C-alpha atoms as a PDB file:
ATOM      1  CA  UNK A   1       0.092  -0.187   0.168  1.00  0.00           C
ATOM      2  CA  UNK A   2       1.258   3.312  -0.911  1.00  0.00           C
ATOM      3  CA  UNK A   3       0.538   6.704   0.239  1.00  0.00           C
ATOM      4  CA  UNK A   4      -0.445   9.491  -2.346  1.00  0.00           C
ATOM      5  CA  UNK A   5      -0.392  13.220  -1.633  1.00  0.00           C
ATOM      6  CA  UNK A   6      -2.764  15.928  -2.382  1.00  0.00           C
ATOM      7  CA  UNK A   7      -1.004  19.744  -2.735  1.00  0.00           C
ATOM      8  CA  UNK A   8      -2.835  22.799  -1.228  1.00  0.00           C
ATOM      9  CA  UNK A   9      -1.378  25.689  -3.800  1.00  0.00           C
ATOM     10  CA  UNK A  10      -1.381  29.082  -2.202  1.00  0.00           C
ATOM     11  CA  UNK A  11      -0.418  31.220  -5.423  1.00  0.00           C
ATOM     12  CA  UNK A  12       0.030  34.610  -5.421  1.00  0.00           C
ATOM     13  CA  UNK A  13       1.711  37.572  -7.546  1.00  0.00           C
ATOM     14  CA  UNK A  14       5.247  36.345  -6.292  1.00  0.00           C
ATOM     15  CA  UNK A  15       5.160  33.230  -5.124  1.00  0.00           C
ATOM     16  CA  UNK A  16       3.519  29.550  -4.768  1.00  0.00           C
ATOM     17  CA  UNK A  17       3.644  27.333  -1.855  1.00  0.00           C
ATOM     18  CA  UNK A  18       2.365  23.652  -1.982  1.00  0.00           C
ATOM     19  CA  UNK A  19       1.591  22.056   1.206  1.00  0.00           C
ATOM     20  CA  UNK A  20       1.405  18.301   0.709  1.00  0.00           C
ATOM     21  CA  UNK A  21      -1.091  16.056   2.602  1.00  0.00           C
ATOM     22  CA  UNK A  22      -2.186  12.719   2.582  1.00  0.00           C
ATOM     23  CA  UNK A  23      -5.147  11.884   0.187  1.00  0.00           C
ATOM     24  CA  UNK A  24      -5.319   7.969   0.162  1.00  0.00           C
ATOM     25  CA  UNK A  25      -4.243   4.570  -1.347  1.00  0.00           C
ATOM     26  CA  UNK A  26      -2.875   4.063  -4.988  1.00  0.00           C
ATOM     27  CA  UNK A  27      -5.561   3.395  -7.496  1.00  0.00           C
ATOM     28  CA  UNK A  28      -5.200  -0.612  -7.920  1.00  0.00           C
ATOM     29  CA  UNK A  29      -3.190  -2.144 -10.634  1.00  0.00           C
ATOM     30  CA  UNK A  30      -5.852  -3.333 -12.752  1.00  0.00           C
ATOM     31  CA  UNK A  31      -7.455   0.247 -13.150  1.00  0.00           C
ATOM     32  CA  UNK A  32      -6.859   2.324 -15.263  1.00  0.00           C
ATOM     33  CA  UNK A  33      -3.254   4.180 -15.816  1.00  0.00           C
ATOM     34  CA  UNK A  34      -2.709   6.702 -13.121  1.00  0.00           C
ATOM     35  CA  UNK A  35      -2.184  10.267 -14.089  1.00  0.00           C
ATOM     36  CA  UNK A  36      -1.000  13.073 -12.031  1.00  0.00           C
ATOM     37  CA  UNK A  37      -4.018  14.286 -10.901  1.00  0.00           C
ATOM     38  CA  UNK A  38      -3.932  10.954  -8.723  1.00  0.00           C
ATOM     39  CA  UNK A  39      -1.529  11.724  -6.817  1.00  0.00           C
ATOM     40  CA  UNK A  40      -0.903  15.556  -6.721  1.00  0.00           C
ATOM     41  CA  UNK A  41      -4.424  16.926  -7.713  1.00  0.00           C
ATOM     42  CA  UNK A  42      -3.886  20.627  -7.555  1.00  0.00           C
ATOM     43  CA  UNK A  43      -6.427  22.970  -5.423  1.00  0.00           C
ATOM     44  CA  UNK A  44      -6.320  26.573  -5.442  1.00  0.00           C
ATOM     45  CA  UNK A  45      -6.724  28.670  -2.340  1.00  0.00           C
ATOM     46  CA  UNK A  46      -8.797  31.673  -2.041  1.00  0.00           C
ATOM     47  CA  UNK A  47      -6.866  34.163  -1.439  1.00  0.00           C
ATOM     48  CA  UNK A  48      -8.206  37.494  -0.550  1.00  0.00           C
ATOM     49  CA  UNK A  49      -8.443  40.035  -3.620  1.00  0.00           C
ATOM     50  CA  UNK A  50      -5.414  42.641  -3.846  1.00  0.00           C
ATOM     51  CA  UNK A  51      -3.506  40.347  -1.420  1.00  0.00           C
ATOM     52  CA  UNK A  52       0.319  39.927  -2.721  1.00  0.00           C
ATOM     53  CA  UNK A  53       0.854  36.806  -0.559  1.00  0.00           C
ATOM     54  CA  UNK A  54       4.527  35.788  -0.637  1.00  0.00           C
ATOM     55  CA  UNK A  55       4.345  32.935   1.462  1.00  0.00           C
ATOM     56  CA  UNK A  56       7.422  32.462   3.698  1.00  0.00           C
ATOM     57  CA  UNK A  57       6.090  29.867   6.526  1.00  0.00           C
ATOM     58  CA  UNK A  58       3.456  27.842   7.167  1.00  0.00           C
ATOM     59  CA  UNK A  59       2.085  26.279  10.690  1.00  0.00           C
ATOM     60  CA  UNK A  60      -0.926  24.099  11.835  1.00  0.00           C
ATOM     61  CA  UNK A  61      -2.679  25.714  14.397  1.00  0.00           C
ATOM     62  CA  UNK A  62      -4.914  23.556  17.172  1.00  0.00           C
ATOM     63  CA  UNK A  63      -8.148  22.725  15.859  1.00  0.00           C
ATOM     64  CA  UNK A  64      -6.808  22.372  12.280  1.00  0.00           C
ATOM     65  CA  UNK A  65      -6.227  25.911  11.025  1.00  0.00           C
ATOM     66  CA  UNK A  66      -3.461  26.814   9.185  1.00  0.00           C
ATOM     67  CA  UNK A  67      -1.400  29.266   9.708  1.00  0.00           C
ATOM     68  CA  UNK A  68       0.209  31.235   6.865  1.00  0.00           C
ATOM     69  CA  UNK A  69       3.182  33.939   6.797  1.00  0.00           C
ATOM     70  CA  UNK A  70       4.005  36.619   4.418  1.00  0.00           C
ATOM     71  CA  UNK A  71       7.421  38.048   3.744  1.00  0.00           C
ATOM     72  CA  UNK A  72       5.963  41.260   3.786  1.00  0.00           C
ATOM     73  CA  UNK A  73       5.154  41.252   7.614  1.00  0.00           C
ATOM     74  CA  UNK A  74       1.072  39.292   7.768  1.00  0.00           C
ATOM     75  CA  UNK A  75       0.075  36.049   9.149  1.00  0.00           C
ATOM     76  CA  UNK A  76      -3.227  34.741   7.915  1.00  0.00           C
ATOM     77  CA  UNK A  77      -5.348  31.806   9.492  1.00  0.00           C
ATOM     78  CA  UNK A  78      -6.968  29.338   6.611  1.00  0.00           C
ATOM     79  CA  UNK A  79     -10.175  28.199   7.821  1.00  0.00           C
ATOM     80  CA  UNK A  80     -10.831  24.365   6.690  1.00  0.00           C
ATOM     81  CA  UNK A  81      -7.401  24.054   5.018  1.00  0.00           C
ATOM     82  CA  UNK A  82      -7.731  20.265   3.990  1.00  0.00           C
ATOM     83  CA  UNK A  83     -11.312  20.310   2.641  1.00  0.00           C
ATOM     84  CA  UNK A  84     -10.999  18.722  -0.761  1.00  0.00           C
ATOM     85  CA  UNK A  85     -13.378  22.306  -2.035  1.00  0.00           C
ATOM     86  CA  UNK A  86     -11.530  25.871  -1.702  1.00  0.00           C
ATOM     87  CA  UNK A  87     -15.025  27.240  -1.590  1.00  0.00           C
ATOM     88  CA  UNK A  88     -15.374  25.756   2.155  1.00  0.00           C
ATOM     89  CA  UNK A  89     -11.941  27.404   2.675  1.00  0.00           C
ATOM     90  CA  UNK A  90     -11.530  30.704   4.300  1.00  0.00           C
ATOM     91  CA  UNK A  91      -8.241  33.241   4.378  1.00  0.00           C
ATOM     92  CA  UNK A  92      -8.531  35.910   8.007  1.00  0.00           C
ATOM     93  CA  UNK A  93      -6.151  38.144   8.391  1.00  0.00           C
ATOM     94  CA  UNK A  94      -4.657  36.988  12.157  1.00  0.00           C
ATOM     95  CA  UNK A  95      -1.760  39.978  12.360  1.00  0.00           C
ATOM     96  CA  UNK A  96       0.202  42.261  10.110  1.00  0.00           C
ATOM     97  CA  UNK A  97       2.919  45.350  10.391  1.00  0.00           C
ATOM     98  CA  UNK A  98       5.946  42.872  11.267  1.00  0.00           C
ATOM     99  CA  UNK A  99       9.222  42.532   9.467  1.00  0.00           C
ATOM    100  CA  UNK A 100       9.705  39.637   6.689  1.00  0.00           C
ATOM    101  CA  UNK A 101       8.348  36.699   8.696  1.00  0.00           C
ATOM    102  CA  UNK A 102      10.673  33.992   7.770  1.00  0.00           C
ATOM    103  CA  UNK A 103       9.553  31.100  10.422  1.00  0.00           C
ATOM    104  CA  UNK A 104       6.335  30.150  12.557  1.00  0.00           C
ATOM    105  CA  UNK A 105       6.238  27.969  15.219  1.00  0.00           C
ATOM    106  CA  UNK A 106       3.264  26.813  17.695  1.00  0.00           C
ATOM    107  CA  UNK A 107       3.858  26.120  21.185  1.00  0.00           C
ATOM    108  CA  UNK A 108       0.728  26.139  23.586  1.00  0.00           C
ATOM    109  CA  UNK A 109      -1.097  28.715  22.410  1.00  0.00           C
ATOM    110  CA  UNK A 110       1.500  30.929  21.524  1.00  0.00           C
ATOM    111  CA  UNK A 111       2.789  31.294  17.841  1.00  0.00           C
ATOM    112  CA  UNK A 112       6.312  32.091  17.479  1.00  0.00           C
ATOM    113  CA  UNK A 113       7.489  34.499  14.885  1.00  0.00           C
ATOM    114  CA  UNK A 114      10.882  34.768  13.701  1.00  0.00           C
ATOM    115  CA  UNK A 115      10.716  38.303  12.035  1.00  0.00           C
ATOM    116  CA  UNK A 116      14.046  39.832  10.734  1.00  0.00           C
ATOM    117  CA  UNK A 117      14.716  41.716  13.913  1.00  0.00           C
ATOM    118  CA  UNK A 118      13.298  39.428  16.662  1.00  0.00           C
ATOM    119  CA  UNK A 119      11.263  36.136  17.775  1.00  0.00           C
ATOM    120  CA  UNK A 120       7.960  37.162  18.641  1.00  0.00           C
ATOM    121  CA  UNK A 121       5.445  34.946  20.663  1.00  0.00           C
ATOM    122  CA  UNK A 122       1.741  36.482  19.015  1.00  0.00           C
ATOM    123  CA  UNK A 123      -1.091  35.497  21.112  1.00  0.00           C
ATOM    124  CA  UNK A 124      -4.772  35.805  20.728  1.00  0.00           C
ATOM    125  CA  UNK A 125      -6.056  35.985  24.263  1.00  0.00           C
ATOM    126  CA  UNK A 126      -9.704  36.959  23.568  1.00  0.00           C
ATOM    127  CA  UNK A 127     -10.112  33.976  20.905  1.00  0.00           C
ATOM    128  CA  UNK A 128     -11.583  36.438  17.932  1.00  0.00           C
ATOM    129  CA  UNK A 129      -9.098  35.301  15.832  1.00  0.00           C
ATOM    130  CA  UNK A 130      -6.739  38.355  15.849  1.00  0.00           C
ATOM    131  CA  UNK A 131      -3.729  38.886  17.365  1.00  0.00           C
ATOM    132  CA  UNK A 132      -3.293  41.373  20.348  1.00  0.00           C
ATOM    133  CA  UNK A 133      -0.586  40.357  22.399  1.00  0.00           C
ATOM    134  CA  UNK A 134       3.053  40.651  20.967  1.00  0.00           C
ATOM    135  CA  UNK A 135       5.823  39.747  23.411  1.00  0.00           C
ATOM    136  CA  UNK A 136       9.272  40.068  22.367  1.00  0.00           C
ATOM    137  CA  UNK A 137      11.018  36.503  23.403  1.00  0.00           C
ATOM    138  CA  UNK A 138      14.670  37.936  21.931  1.00  0.00           C
ATOM    139  CA  UNK A 139      15.932  40.494  20.008  1.00  0.00           C
ATOM    140  CA  UNK A 140      19.556  39.259  20.510  1.00  0.00           C
ATOM    141  CA  UNK A 141      21.043  39.941  17.371  1.00  0.00           C
ATOM    142  CA  UNK A 142      21.142  43.073  15.122  1.00  0.00           C
ATOM    143  CA  UNK A 143      20.414  44.622  11.502  1.00  0.00           C
ATOM    144  CA  UNK A 144      21.462  48.023   9.696  1.00  0.00           C
ATOM    145  CA  UNK A 145      18.757  47.924   7.111  1.00  0.00           C
ATOM    146  CA  UNK A 146      20.450  46.025   4.229  1.00  0.00           C
ATOM    147  CA  UNK A 147      18.599  43.989   1.961  1.00  0.00           C
ATOM    148  CA  UNK A 148      20.560  40.731   3.072  1.00  0.00           C
ATOM    149  CA  UNK A 149      20.089  40.641   6.419  1.00  0.00           C
ATOM    150  CA  UNK A 150      17.229  37.622   6.506  1.00  0.00           C
ATOM    151  CA  UNK A 151      16.448  35.387   9.638  1.00  0.00           C
ATOM    152  CA  UNK A 152      15.112  32.082   9.276  1.00  0.00           C
ATOM    153  CA  UNK A 153      13.384  30.684  12.432  1.00  0.00           C
ATOM    154  CA  UNK A 154      13.167  26.722  13.270  1.00  0.00           C
ATOM    155  CA  UNK A 155      10.359  25.229  15.251  1.00  0.00           C
ATOM    156  CA  UNK A 156      11.216  24.184  18.565  1.00  0.00           C
ATOM    157  CA  UNK A 157      13.277  21.521  19.430  1.00  0.00           C
ATOM    158  CA  UNK A 158      13.265  18.949  21.847  1.00  0.00           C
ATOM    159  CA  UNK A 159      14.433  21.495  24.788  1.00  0.00           C
ATOM    160  CA  UNK A 160      12.226  23.956  23.895  1.00  0.00           C
ATOM    161  CA  UNK A 161      14.642  26.520  22.078  1.00  0.00           C
ATOM    162  CA  UNK A 162      13.968  28.020  18.517  1.00  0.00           C
ATOM    163  CA  UNK A 163      17.118  28.111  16.139  1.00  0.00           C
ATOM    164  CA  UNK A 164      17.645  31.186  14.393  1.00  0.00           C
ATOM    165  CA  UNK A 165      20.388  31.638  11.183  1.00  0.00           C
ATOM    166  CA  UNK A 166      21.194  34.821  10.343  1.00  0.00           C
ATOM    167  CA  UNK A 167      22.199  36.095   6.715  1.00  0.00           C
ATOM    168  CA  UNK A 168      25.598  38.468   6.229  1.00  0.00           C
ATOM    169  CA  UNK A 169      25.427  42.146   5.616  1.00  0.00           C
ATOM    170  CA  UNK A 170      25.197  41.523   1.743  1.00  0.00           C
ATOM    171  CA  UNK A 171      27.346  38.633   0.939  1.00  0.00           C
ATOM    172  CA  UNK A 172      30.662  39.482   2.225  1.00  0.00           C
ATOM    173  CA  UNK A 173      30.870  40.935   5.497  1.00  0.00           C
ATOM    174  CA  UNK A 174      29.246  41.007   9.226  1.00  0.00           C
ATOM    175  CA  UNK A 175      28.134  44.507   9.797  1.00  0.00           C
ATOM    176  CA  UNK A 176      25.783  43.675  12.480  1.00  0.00           C
ATOM    177  CA  UNK A 177      25.846  41.682  15.521  1.00  0.00           C
ATOM    178  CA  UNK A 178      25.698  37.901  15.005  1.00  0.00           C
ATOM    179  CA  UNK A 179      25.580  38.243  11.112  1.00  0.00           C
ATOM    180  CA  UNK A 180      26.487  34.930   9.902  1.00  0.00           C
ATOM    181  CA  UNK A 181      25.899  32.845  12.919  1.00  0.00           C
ATOM    182  CA  UNK A 182      23.272  30.401  14.087  1.00  0.00           C
ATOM    183  CA  UNK A 183      21.903  31.318  17.485  1.00  0.00           C
ATOM    184  CA  UNK A 184      19.365  29.113  19.741  1.00  0.00           C
ATOM    185  CA  UNK A 185      16.904  31.369  21.449  1.00  0.00           C
ATOM    186  CA  UNK A 186      15.784  29.594  24.652  1.00  0.00           C
ATOM    187  CA  UNK A 187      12.435  29.810  26.220  1.00  0.00           C
ATOM    188  CA  UNK A 188      13.439  32.667  28.582  1.00  0.00           C
ATOM    189  CA  UNK A 189      14.787  34.545  25.739  1.00  0.00           C
ATOM    190  CA  UNK A 190      18.506  33.468  26.221  1.00  0.00           C
ATOM    191  CA  UNK A 191      20.584  34.220  23.164  1.00  0.00           C
ATOM    192  CA  UNK A 192      23.044  30.733  22.586  1.00  0.00           C
ATOM    193  CA  UNK A 193      25.828  31.540  20.106  1.00  0.00           C
ATOM    194  CA  UNK A 194      25.858  28.072  18.031  1.00  0.00           C
ATOM    195  CA  UNK A 195      27.514  27.974  14.966  1.00  0.00           C
ATOM    196  CA  UNK A 196      29.601  30.602  12.854  1.00  0.00           C
ATOM    197  CA  UNK A 197      30.630  30.890   9.046  1.00  0.00           C
ATOM    198  CA  UNK A 198      26.935  31.489   7.662  1.00  0.00           C
ATOM    199  CA  UNK A 199      26.566  33.145   4.475  1.00  0.00           C
ATOM    200  CA  UNK A 200      22.942  33.367   3.035  1.00  0.00           C
ATOM    201  CA  UNK A 201      20.783  30.782   4.455  1.00  0.00           C
ATOM    202  CA  UNK A 202      17.239  29.619   2.577  1.00  0.00           C
ATOM    203  CA  UNK A 203      15.778  27.674   5.290  1.00  0.00           C
ATOM    204  CA  UNK A 204      16.480  25.718   8.548  1.00  0.00           C
ATOM    205  CA  UNK A 205      14.573  22.468   9.947  1.00  0.00           C
ATOM    206  CA  UNK A 206      15.420  19.459  11.974  1.00  0.00           C
ATOM    207  CA  UNK A 207      15.230  15.631  10.695  1.00  0.00           C
ATOM    208  CA  UNK A 208      13.407  12.986  13.043  1.00  0.00           C
ATOM    209  CA  UNK A 209      16.073  12.392  15.587  1.00  0.00           C
ATOM    210  CA  UNK A 210      16.163  16.485  16.456  1.00  0.00           C
ATOM    211  CA  UNK A 211      19.095  17.308  14.707  1.00  0.00           C
ATOM    212  CA  UNK A 212      19.124  20.875  12.835  1.00  0.00           C
ATOM    213  CA  UNK A 213      19.943  21.766   9.429  1.00  0.00           C
ATOM    214  CA  UNK A 214      20.354  24.533   7.022  1.00  0.00           C
ATOM    215  CA  UNK A 215      20.522  25.463   3.385  1.00  0.00           C
ATOM    216  CA  UNK A 216      22.951  28.157   2.352  1.00  0.00           C
ATOM    217  CA  UNK A 217      23.682  29.513  -0.768  1.00  0.00           C
ATOM    218  CA  UNK A 218      26.470  29.644  -3.107  1.00  0.00           C
ATOM    219  CA  UNK A 219      28.779  32.723  -3.176  1.00  0.00           C
ATOM    220  CA  UNK A 220      31.717  33.890  -1.413  1.00  0.00           C
ATOM    221  CA  UNK A 221      33.578  31.251   0.549  1.00  0.00           C
ATOM    222  CA  UNK A 222      30.259  28.708  -0.589  1.00  0.00           C
ATOM    223  CA  UNK A 223      31.240  27.032  -3.554  1.00  0.00           C
ATOM    224  CA  UNK A 224      28.100  25.442  -4.212  1.00  0.00           C
ATOM    225  CA  UNK A 225      24.462  25.584  -2.610  1.00  0.00           C
ATOM    226  CA  UNK A 226      24.544  22.886   0.093  1.00  0.00           C
ATOM    227  CA  UNK A 227      22.597  21.454   3.451  1.00  0.00           C
ATOM    228  CA  UNK A 228      24.516  21.659   6.081  1.00  0.00           C
ATOM    229  CA  UNK A 229      24.551  20.304   9.654  1.00  0.00           C
ATOM    230  CA  UNK A 230      24.220  22.980  12.323  1.00  0.00           C
ATOM    231  CA  UNK A 231      26.508  20.954  15.144  1.00  0.00           C
ATOM    232  CA  UNK A 232      26.850  23.543  17.543  1.00  0.00           C
ATOM    233  CA  UNK A 233      30.409  24.684  17.918  1.00  0.00           C
ATOM    234  CA  UNK A 234      30.808  24.129  14.269  1.00  0.00           C
ATOM    235  CA  UNK A 235      32.431  26.568  11.588  1.00  0.00           C
ATOM    236  CA  UNK A 236      29.866  26.225   8.382  1.00  0.00           C
ATOM    237  CA  UNK A 237      32.710  27.754   6.013  1.00  0.00           C
ATOM    238  CA  UNK A 238      32.203  32.006   5.548  1.00  0.00           C
ATOM    239  CA  UNK A 239      34.761  33.459   7.704  1.00  0.00           C
ATOM    240  CA  UNK A 240      32.975  37.029   8.021  1.00  0.00           C
ATOM    241  CA  UNK A 241      31.550  36.539  11.344  1.00  0.00           C
ATOM    242  CA  UNK A 242      34.476  35.413  13.024  1.00  0.00           C
ATOM    243  CA  UNK A 243      34.638  38.928  14.330  1.00  0.00           C
ATOM    244  CA  UNK A 244      31.901  38.005  16.726  1.00  0.00           C
ATOM    245  CA  UNK A 245      33.757  35.620  18.915  1.00  0.00           C
ATOM    246  CA  UNK A 246      35.110  38.479  20.926  1.00  0.00           C
ATOM    247  CA  UNK A 247      31.702  38.487  22.593  1.00  0.00           C
ATOM    248  CA  UNK A 248      30.746  35.020  23.153  1.00  0.00           C
ATOM    249  CA  UNK A 249      31.204  32.223  25.357  1.00  0.00           C
ATOM    250  CA  UNK A 250      33.217  29.787  24.310  1.00  0.00           C
ATOM    251  CA  UNK A 251      31.618  27.139  21.801  1.00  0.00           C
ATOM    252  CA  UNK A 252      34.736  26.253  20.499  1.00  0.00           C
ATOM    253  CA  UNK A 253      38.150  27.771  18.721  1.00  0.00           C
ATOM    254  CA  UNK A 254      38.035  30.809  16.108  1.00  0.00           C
ATOM    255  CA  UNK A 255      38.499  29.806  12.715  1.00  0.00           C
ATOM    256  CA  UNK A 256      41.122  31.592  11.656  1.00  0.00           C
ATOM    257  CA  UNK A 257      40.960  34.672   9.175  1.00  0.00           C
ATOM    258  CA  UNK A 258      41.789  34.431   5.854  1.00  0.00           C
ATOM    259  CA  UNK A 259      45.252  35.583   4.856  1.00  0.00           C
ATOM    260  CA  UNK A 260      45.591  34.952   1.321  1.00  0.00           C
ATOM    261  CA  UNK A 261      43.259  38.076   0.237  1.00  0.00           C
ATOM    262  CA  UNK A 262      42.243  35.123  -2.391  1.00  0.00           C
ATOM    263  CA  UNK A 263      39.124  32.990  -2.173  1.00  0.00           C
ATOM    264  CA  UNK A 264      38.192  29.667  -0.255  1.00  0.00           C
ATOM    265  CA  UNK A 265      40.222  27.467  -2.682  1.00  0.00           C
ATOM    266  CA  UNK A 266      43.828  29.585  -2.388  1.00  0.00           C
ATOM    267  CA  UNK A 267      42.857  29.783   1.739  1.00  0.00           C
ATOM    268  CA  UNK A 268      41.925  26.090   1.834  1.00  0.00           C
ATOM    269  CA  UNK A 269      45.603  25.356   0.201  1.00  0.00           C
END
């Protein structure tokens, strides 16, 4: 018996996100030849008119509602997201005015939002499907307005920590605190510097054993795009963030600073 999946498609002017969900069993072998729709039927969700979604994070909430974040700083709740018909689904604006959301994680009654400047706990205290309490969990890194200073957040690990990977300032520099690092944010908001050497993350997540990984983009000191293990104390390959070892507790030796004036292959030799 094989599991096939149904794809819910969030289409907007500048992006499409697929949420893959179990649907049923494969057609019997003696049935007519299977077609794509037997495995991945596409259902376009009813995004409100005028909304440019740019979906950037998804999280299932209690009661089966789906939270959908936008890079533009909004969070929507989708009612009946697993319905076979878009006519029974409904988008509701849950929160707005946040700064480039690139991570959602539900824990208890709170939705933990990783935005460019901080991890925020968002609550709906009066249960009217509209966020009314925004609590800063941690803003232990810095930004300066550079376009490249993204922050990607994980779901909670077994200890309740959220892992945040921080893009450099531009491609080459770490001009703001902890740019080019992975930080763990504890439930109490403490910042634990965890790994250095990060360049330009595209996402972060963990495997079934709880090991955390992130994807990094090719560029200076990264010859190719890659999936990397965020082992605490590890160096991920880009030296721009070495400067922040001066303010961290010991997580391992500071990697050597480049001395050749060249790129990774010359320096590696």
